[in-house]
Amino acid sequence: MLGNVIGGFIVILVGVTLAPTVANQVADAQNSSKYNITGASNTIIGLTTLFYCLAVASTGIGIATVGLRNAGLM
């Protein structure tokens, strides 16, 4: 139980730490003239950071929930 809760927090911590790096890479891809990203592609690439953060949060919460469920608290 405790291992799953700590694991969920570690996943969130590492994911949040890497979020600025993901955001910088997305911004570089959008603003670079080397890639031909315009229109709808630009919008989808811009949403990558949002989807990354949602995935990190849902993964961490899911791992912590499994730990609490195994302990009988949920």
PDB file of N, CA and C in Angstrom:
ATOM      1  N   MET A   1       0.822  -1.192   0.000  1.00  0.00           N
ATOM      2  CA  MET A   1       0.000   0.000   0.000  1.00  0.00           C
ATOM      3  C   MET A   1       0.861   1.249   0.000  1.00  0.00           C
ATOM      4  N   LEU A   2       1.754   1.332   0.968  1.00  0.00           N
ATOM      5  CA  LEU A   2       2.595   2.518   1.077  1.00  0.00           C
ATOM      6  C   LEU A   2       3.497   2.661  -0.142  1.00  0.00           C
ATOM      7  N   GLY A   3       3.948   1.528  -0.674  1.00  0.00           N
ATOM      8  CA  GLY A   3       4.794   1.562  -1.870  1.00  0.00           C
ATOM      9  C   GLY A   3       4.067   2.144  -3.066  1.00  0.00           C
ATOM     10  N   ASN A   4       2.794   1.799  -3.224  1.00  0.00           N
ATOM     11  CA  ASN A   4       2.020   2.342  -4.343  1.00  0.00           C
ATOM     12  C   ASN A   4       1.760   3.830  -4.176  1.00  0.00           C
ATOM     13  N   VAL A   5       1.478   4.254  -2.965  1.00  0.00           N
ATOM     14  CA  VAL A   5       1.237   5.682  -2.720  1.00  0.00           C
ATOM     15  C   VAL A   5       2.520   6.475  -2.987  1.00  0.00           C
ATOM     16  N   ILE A   6       3.639   5.986  -2.477  1.00  0.00           N
ATOM     17  CA  ILE A   6       4.913   6.671  -2.712  1.00  0.00           C
ATOM     18  C   ILE A   6       5.265   6.632  -4.198  1.00  0.00           C
ATOM     19  N   GLY A   7       4.993   5.500  -4.843  1.00  0.00           N
ATOM     20  CA  GLY A   7       5.241   5.403  -6.284  1.00  0.00           C
ATOM     21  C   GLY A   7       4.423   6.402  -7.076  1.00  0.00           C
ATOM     22  N   GLY A   8       3.164   6.587  -6.687  1.00  0.00           N
ATOM     23  CA  GLY A   8       2.324   7.585  -7.364  1.00  0.00           C
ATOM     24  C   GLY A   8       2.870   8.991  -7.204  1.00  0.00           C
ATOM     25  N   PHE A   9       3.345   9.312  -5.999  1.00  0.00           N
ATOM     26  CA  PHE A   9       3.921  10.639  -5.794  1.00  0.00           C
ATOM     27  C   PHE A   9       5.223  10.810  -6.566  1.00  0.00           C
ATOM     28  N   ILE A  10       6.008   9.758  -6.677  1.00  0.00           N
ATOM     29  CA  ILE A  10       7.260   9.844  -7.440  1.00  0.00           C
ATOM     30  C   ILE A  10       6.964  10.058  -8.920  1.00  0.00           C
ATOM     31  N   VAL A  11       5.968   9.366  -9.445  1.00  0.00           N
ATOM     32  CA  VAL A  11       5.586   9.564 -10.845  1.00  0.00           C
ATOM     33  C   VAL A  11       5.166  11.008 -11.081  1.00  0.00           C
ATOM     34  N   ILE A  12       4.366  11.542 -10.180  1.00  0.00           N
ATOM     35  CA  ILE A  12       3.936  12.938 -10.332  1.00  0.00           C
ATOM     36  C   ILE A  12       5.120  13.882 -10.210  1.00  0.00           C
ATOM     37  N   LEU A  13       6.006  13.639  -9.268  1.00  0.00           N
ATOM     38  CA  LEU A  13       7.170  14.509  -9.083  1.00  0.00           C
ATOM     39  C   LEU A  13       8.073  14.517 -10.309  1.00  0.00           C
ATOM     40  N   VAL A  14       8.379  13.347 -10.843  1.00  0.00           N
ATOM     41  CA  VAL A  14       9.247  13.278 -12.027  1.00  0.00           C
ATOM     42  C   VAL A  14       8.546  13.895 -13.232  1.00  0.00           C
ATOM     43  N   GLY A  15       7.273  13.623 -13.398  1.00  0.00           N
ATOM     44  CA  GLY A  15       6.532  14.177 -14.526  1.00  0.00           C
ATOM     45  C   GLY A  15       6.439  15.685 -14.487  1.00  0.00           C
ATOM     46  N   VAL A  16       6.198  16.237 -13.300  1.00  0.00           N
ATOM     47  CA  VAL A  16       6.115  17.694 -13.163  1.00  0.00           C
ATOM     48  C   VAL A  16       7.483  18.327 -13.372  1.00  0.00           C
ATOM     49  N   THR A  17       8.531  17.632 -12.962  1.00  0.00           N
ATOM     50  CA  THR A  17       9.882  18.147 -13.173  1.00  0.00           C
ATOM     51  C   THR A  17      10.225  18.193 -14.656  1.00  0.00           C
ATOM     52  N   LEU A  18       9.751  17.240 -15.429  1.00  0.00           N
ATOM     53  CA  LEU A  18      10.038  17.206 -16.858  1.00  0.00           C
ATOM     54  C   LEU A  18       9.077  18.038 -17.709  1.00  0.00           C
ATOM     55  N   ALA A  19       7.990  18.520 -17.129  1.00  0.00           N
ATOM     56  CA  ALA A  19       6.992  19.277 -17.892  1.00  0.00           C
ATOM     57  C   ALA A  19       7.565  20.538 -18.553  1.00  0.00           C
ATOM     58  N   PRO A  20       8.412  21.334 -17.880  1.00  0.00           N
ATOM     59  CA  PRO A  20       8.972  22.498 -18.578  1.00  0.00           C
ATOM     60  C   PRO A  20       9.842  22.124 -19.776  1.00  0.00           C
ATOM     61  N   THR A  21      10.540  21.008 -19.680  1.00  0.00           N
ATOM     62  CA  THR A  21      11.352  20.555 -20.807  1.00  0.00           C
ATOM     63  C   THR A  21      10.465  20.184 -21.989  1.00  0.00           C
ATOM     64  N   VAL A  22       9.375  19.493 -21.714  1.00  0.00           N
ATOM     65  CA  VAL A  22       8.432  19.141 -22.775  1.00  0.00           C
ATOM     66  C   VAL A  22       7.845  20.413 -23.388  1.00  0.00           C
ATOM     67  N   ALA A  23       7.478  21.368 -22.553  1.00  0.00           N
ATOM     68  CA  ALA A  23       6.899  22.622 -23.054  1.00  0.00           C
ATOM     69  C   ALA A  23       7.900  23.398 -23.908  1.00  0.00           C
ATOM     70  N   ASN A  24       9.165  23.412 -23.497  1.00  0.00           N
ATOM     71  CA  ASN A  24      10.190  24.107 -24.295  1.00  0.00           C
ATOM     72  C   ASN A  24      10.396  23.433 -25.639  1.00  0.00           C
ATOM     73  N   GLN A  25      10.409  22.116 -25.666  1.00  0.00           N
ATOM     74  CA  GLN A  25      10.585  21.398 -26.932  1.00  0.00           C
ATOM     75  C   GLN A  25       9.398  21.616 -27.860  1.00  0.00           C
ATOM     76  N   VAL A  26       8.202  21.665 -27.298  1.00  0.00           N
ATOM     77  CA  VAL A  26       7.014  21.932 -28.109  1.00  0.00           C
ATOM     78  C   VAL A  26       7.073  23.343 -28.683  1.00  0.00           C
ATOM     79  N   ALA A  27       7.455  24.319 -27.859  1.00  0.00           N
ATOM     80  CA  ALA A  27       7.568  25.699 -28.342  1.00  0.00           C
ATOM     81  C   ALA A  27       8.642  25.821 -29.418  1.00  0.00           C
ATOM     82  N   ASP A  28       9.756  25.122 -29.243  1.00  0.00           N
ATOM     83  CA  ASP A  28      10.802  25.146 -30.266  1.00  0.00           C
ATOM     84  C   ASP A  28      10.300  24.548 -31.573  1.00  0.00           C
ATOM     85  N   ALA A  29       9.540  23.471 -31.491  1.00  0.00           N
ATOM     86  CA  ALA A  29       9.000  22.847 -32.701  1.00  0.00           C
ATOM     87  C   ALA A  29       8.011  23.767 -33.400  1.00  0.00           C
ATOM     88  N   GLN A  30       7.220  24.497 -32.619  1.00  0.00           N
ATOM     89  CA  GLN A  30       6.232  25.393 -33.230  1.00  0.00           C
ATOM     90  C   GLN A  30       6.882  26.614 -33.872  1.00  0.00           C
ATOM     91  N   ASN A  31       7.949  27.109 -33.259  1.00  0.00           N
ATOM     92  CA  ASN A  31       8.552  28.354 -33.735  1.00  0.00           C
ATOM     93  C   ASN A  31       9.710  28.147 -34.698  1.00  0.00           C
ATOM     94  N   SER A  32      10.150  26.923 -34.889  1.00  0.00           N
ATOM     95  CA  SER A  32      11.299  26.662 -35.750  1.00  0.00           C
ATOM     96  C   SER A  32      10.891  26.740 -37.211  1.00  0.00           C
ATOM     97  N   SER A  33      11.753  27.319 -38.018  1.00  0.00           N
ATOM     98  CA  SER A  33      11.490  27.374 -39.455  1.00  0.00           C
ATOM     99  C   SER A  33      11.942  26.091 -40.138  1.00  0.00           C
ATOM    100  N   LYS A  34      12.633  25.233 -39.411  1.00  0.00           N
ATOM    101  CA  LYS A  34      13.132  23.975 -39.962  1.00  0.00           C
ATOM    102  C   LYS A  34      11.991  22.976 -40.178  1.00  0.00           C
ATOM    103  N   TYR A  35      10.936  23.081 -39.363  1.00  0.00           N
ATOM    104  CA  TYR A  35       9.786  22.194 -39.495  1.00  0.00           C
ATOM    105  C   TYR A  35       8.644  22.972 -40.132  1.00  0.00           C
ATOM    106  N   ASN A  36       7.882  22.316 -40.953  1.00  0.00           N
ATOM    107  CA  ASN A  36       6.746  22.963 -41.602  1.00  0.00           C
ATOM    108  C   ASN A  36       5.480  22.627 -40.813  1.00  0.00           C
ATOM    109  N   ILE A  37       5.301  23.321 -39.673  1.00  0.00           N
ATOM    110  CA  ILE A  37       4.144  23.083 -38.817  1.00  0.00           C
ATOM    111  C   ILE A  37       3.257  24.317 -38.872  1.00  0.00           C
ATOM    112  N   THR A  38       2.115  24.176 -39.541  1.00  0.00           N
ATOM    113  CA  THR A  38       1.176  25.292 -39.661  1.00  0.00           C
ATOM    114  C   THR A  38      -0.241  24.761 -39.480  1.00  0.00           C
ATOM    115  N   GLY A  39      -1.147  25.662 -39.222  1.00  0.00           N
ATOM    116  CA  GLY A  39      -2.571  25.338 -39.166  1.00  0.00           C
ATOM    117  C   GLY A  39      -2.941  24.369 -38.057  1.00  0.00           C
ATOM    118  N   ALA A  40      -3.645  23.315 -38.451  1.00  0.00           N
ATOM    119  CA  ALA A  40      -4.133  22.338 -37.492  1.00  0.00           C
ATOM    120  C   ALA A  40      -2.978  21.600 -36.814  1.00  0.00           C
ATOM    121  N   SER A  41      -1.896  21.373 -37.551  1.00  0.00           N
ATOM    122  CA  SER A  41      -0.734  20.697 -36.966  1.00  0.00           C
ATOM    123  C   SER A  41      -0.162  21.511 -35.818  1.00  0.00           C
ATOM    124  N   ASN A  42      -0.128  22.813 -35.989  1.00  0.00           N
ATOM    125  CA  ASN A  42       0.383  23.695 -34.944  1.00  0.00           C
ATOM    126  C   ASN A  42      -0.497  23.624 -33.694  1.00  0.00           C
ATOM    127  N   THR A  43      -1.790  23.548 -33.885  1.00  0.00           N
ATOM    128  CA  THR A  43      -2.713  23.456 -32.755  1.00  0.00           C
ATOM    129  C   THR A  43      -2.538  22.144 -32.002  1.00  0.00           C
ATOM    130  N   ILE A  44      -2.432  21.058 -32.737  1.00  0.00           N
ATOM    131  CA  ILE A  44      -2.261  19.744 -32.104  1.00  0.00           C
ATOM    132  C   ILE A  44      -0.927  19.669 -31.379  1.00  0.00           C
ATOM    133  N   ILE A  45       0.131  20.176 -31.983  1.00  0.00           N
ATOM    134  CA  ILE A  45       1.437  20.188 -31.320  1.00  0.00           C
ATOM    135  C   ILE A  45       1.365  21.045 -30.056  1.00  0.00           C
ATOM    136  N   GLY A  46       0.620  22.143 -30.096  1.00  0.00           N
ATOM    137  CA  GLY A  46       0.474  23.000 -28.924  1.00  0.00           C
ATOM    138  C   GLY A  46      -0.235  22.304 -27.765  1.00  0.00           C
ATOM    139  N   LEU A  47      -1.090  21.338 -28.066  1.00  0.00           N
ATOM    140  CA  LEU A  47      -1.813  20.610 -27.023  1.00  0.00           C
ATOM    141  C   LEU A  47      -1.001  19.469 -26.423  1.00  0.00           C
ATOM    142  N   THR A  48       0.174  19.202 -26.961  1.00  0.00           N
ATOM    143  CA  THR A  48       1.001  18.102 -26.476  1.00  0.00           C
ATOM    144  C   THR A  48       1.354  18.275 -25.009  1.00  0.00           C
ATOM    145  N   THR A  49       1.692  19.479 -24.586  1.00  0.00           N
ATOM    146  CA  THR A  49       2.042  19.723 -23.190  1.00  0.00           C
ATOM    147  C   THR A  49       0.850  19.441 -22.268  1.00  0.00           C
ATOM    148  N   LEU A  50      -0.324  19.850 -22.680  1.00  0.00           N
ATOM    149  CA  LEU A  50      -1.525  19.583 -21.893  1.00  0.00           C
ATOM    150  C   LEU A  50      -1.758  18.089 -21.735  1.00  0.00           C
ATOM    151  N   PHE A  51      -1.664  17.354 -22.847  1.00  0.00           N
ATOM    152  CA  PHE A  51      -1.879  15.909 -22.779  1.00  0.00           C
ATOM    153  C   PHE A  51      -0.807  15.225 -21.948  1.00  0.00           C
ATOM    154  N   TYR A  52       0.425  15.710 -22.012  1.00  0.00           N
ATOM    155  CA  TYR A  52       1.497  15.148 -21.192  1.00  0.00           C
ATOM    156  C   TYR A  52       1.183  15.330 -19.707  1.00  0.00           C
ATOM    157  N   CYS A  53       0.790  16.531 -19.330  1.00  0.00           N
ATOM    158  CA  CYS A  53       0.490  16.793 -17.913  1.00  0.00           C
ATOM    159  C   CYS A  53      -0.720  15.991 -17.438  1.00  0.00           C
ATOM    160  N   LEU A  54      -1.732  15.863 -18.277  1.00  0.00           N
ATOM    161  CA  LEU A  54      -2.896  15.051 -17.908  1.00  0.00           C
ATOM    162  C   LEU A  54      -2.514  13.584 -17.747  1.00  0.00           C
ATOM    163  N   ALA A  55      -1.644  13.077 -18.606  1.00  0.00           N
ATOM    164  CA  ALA A  55      -1.208  11.688 -18.509  1.00  0.00           C
ATOM    165  C   ALA A  55      -0.403  11.444 -17.238  1.00  0.00           C
ATOM    166  N   VAL A  56       0.474  12.377 -16.895  1.00  0.00           N
ATOM    167  CA  VAL A  56       1.270  12.231 -15.674  1.00  0.00           C
ATOM    168  C   VAL A  56       0.359  12.240 -14.449  1.00  0.00           C
ATOM    169  N   ALA A  57      -0.576  13.159 -14.413  1.00  0.00           N
ATOM    170  CA  ALA A  57      -1.473  13.255 -13.259  1.00  0.00           C
ATOM    171  C   ALA A  57      -2.349  12.014 -13.134  1.00  0.00           C
ATOM    172  N   SER A  58      -2.922  11.551 -14.238  1.00  0.00           N
ATOM    173  CA  SER A  58      -3.804  10.388 -14.159  1.00  0.00           C
ATOM    174  C   SER A  58      -3.033   9.119 -13.819  1.00  0.00           C
ATOM    175  N   THR A  59      -1.791   9.004 -14.281  1.00  0.00           N
ATOM    176  CA  THR A  59      -0.986   7.841 -13.933  1.00  0.00           C
ATOM    177  C   THR A  59      -0.648   7.834 -12.449  1.00  0.00           C
ATOM    178  N   GLY A  60      -0.207   8.965 -11.927  1.00  0.00           N
ATOM    179  CA  GLY A  60       0.112   9.043 -10.501  1.00  0.00           C
ATOM    180  C   GLY A  60      -1.089   8.791  -9.626  1.00  0.00           C
ATOM    181  N   ILE A  61      -2.222   9.366  -9.976  1.00  0.00           N
ATOM    182  CA  ILE A  61      -3.445   9.163  -9.197  1.00  0.00           C
ATOM    183  C   ILE A  61      -3.899   7.711  -9.292  1.00  0.00           C
ATOM    184  N   GLY A  62      -3.761   7.107 -10.465  1.00  0.00           N
ATOM    185  CA  GLY A  62      -4.143   5.705 -10.631  1.00  0.00           C
ATOM    186  C   GLY A  62      -3.298   4.771  -9.783  1.00  0.00           C
ATOM    187  N   ILE A  63      -1.994   4.997  -9.752  1.00  0.00           N
ATOM    188  CA  ILE A  63      -1.112   4.154  -8.934  1.00  0.00           C
ATOM    189  C   ILE A  63      -1.443   4.317  -7.454  1.00  0.00           C
ATOM    190  N   ALA A  64      -1.648   5.546  -7.013  1.00  0.00           N
ATOM    191  CA  ALA A  64      -1.988   5.780  -5.606  1.00  0.00           C
ATOM    192  C   ALA A  64      -3.343   5.175  -5.256  1.00  0.00           C
ATOM    193  N   THR A  65      -4.299   5.224  -6.166  1.00  0.00           N
ATOM    194  CA  THR A  65      -5.623   4.658  -5.932  1.00  0.00           C
ATOM    195  C   THR A  65      -5.551   3.141  -5.781  1.00  0.00           C
ATOM    196  N   VAL A  66      -4.735   2.492  -6.597  1.00  0.00           N
ATOM    197  CA  VAL A  66      -4.574   1.040  -6.476  1.00  0.00           C
ATOM    198  C   VAL A  66      -4.005   0.689  -5.096  1.00  0.00           C
ATOM    199  N   GLY A  67      -3.044   1.471  -4.629  1.00  0.00           N
ATOM    200  CA  GLY A  67      -2.476   1.220  -3.303  1.00  0.00           C
ATOM    201  C   GLY A  67      -3.510   1.380  -2.200  1.00  0.00           C
ATOM    202  N   LEU A  68      -4.305   2.426  -2.302  1.00  0.00           N
ATOM    203  CA  LEU A  68      -5.343   2.632  -1.288  1.00  0.00           C
ATOM    204  C   LEU A  68      -6.430   1.563  -1.357  1.00  0.00           C
ATOM    205  N   ARG A  69      -6.742   1.121  -2.564  1.00  0.00           N
ATOM    206  CA  ARG A  69      -7.754   0.065  -2.719  1.00  0.00           C
ATOM    207  C   ARG A  69      -7.242  -1.249  -2.125  1.00  0.00           C
ATOM    208  N   ASN A  70      -5.964  -1.554  -2.334  1.00  0.00           N
ATOM    209  CA  ASN A  70      -5.398  -2.773  -1.761  1.00  0.00           C
ATOM    210  C   ASN A  70      -5.369  -2.730  -0.230  1.00  0.00           C
ATOM    211  N   ALA A  71      -5.273  -1.532   0.328  1.00  0.00           N
ATOM    212  CA  ALA A  71      -5.270  -1.385   1.785  1.00  0.00           C
ATOM    213  C   ALA A  71      -6.683  -1.391   2.365  1.00  0.00           C
ATOM    214  N   GLY A  72      -7.683  -1.334   1.513  1.00  0.00           N
ATOM    215  CA  GLY A  72      -9.061  -1.340   1.984  1.00  0.00           C
ATOM    216  C   GLY A  72      -9.571   0.043   2.364  1.00  0.00           C
ATOM    217  N   LEU A  73      -8.867   1.079   1.982  1.00  0.00           N
ATOM    218  CA  LEU A  73      -9.307   2.439   2.305  1.00  0.00           C
ATOM    219  C   LEU A  73     -10.235   3.015   1.245  1.00  0.00           C
ATOM    220  N   MET A  74     -10.296   2.388   0.093  1.00  0.00           N
ATOM    221  CA  MET A  74     -11.208   2.843  -0.957  1.00  0.00           C
ATOM    222  C   MET A  74     -12.065   1.698  -1.423  1.00  0.00           C
TER     223      MET A  74
END
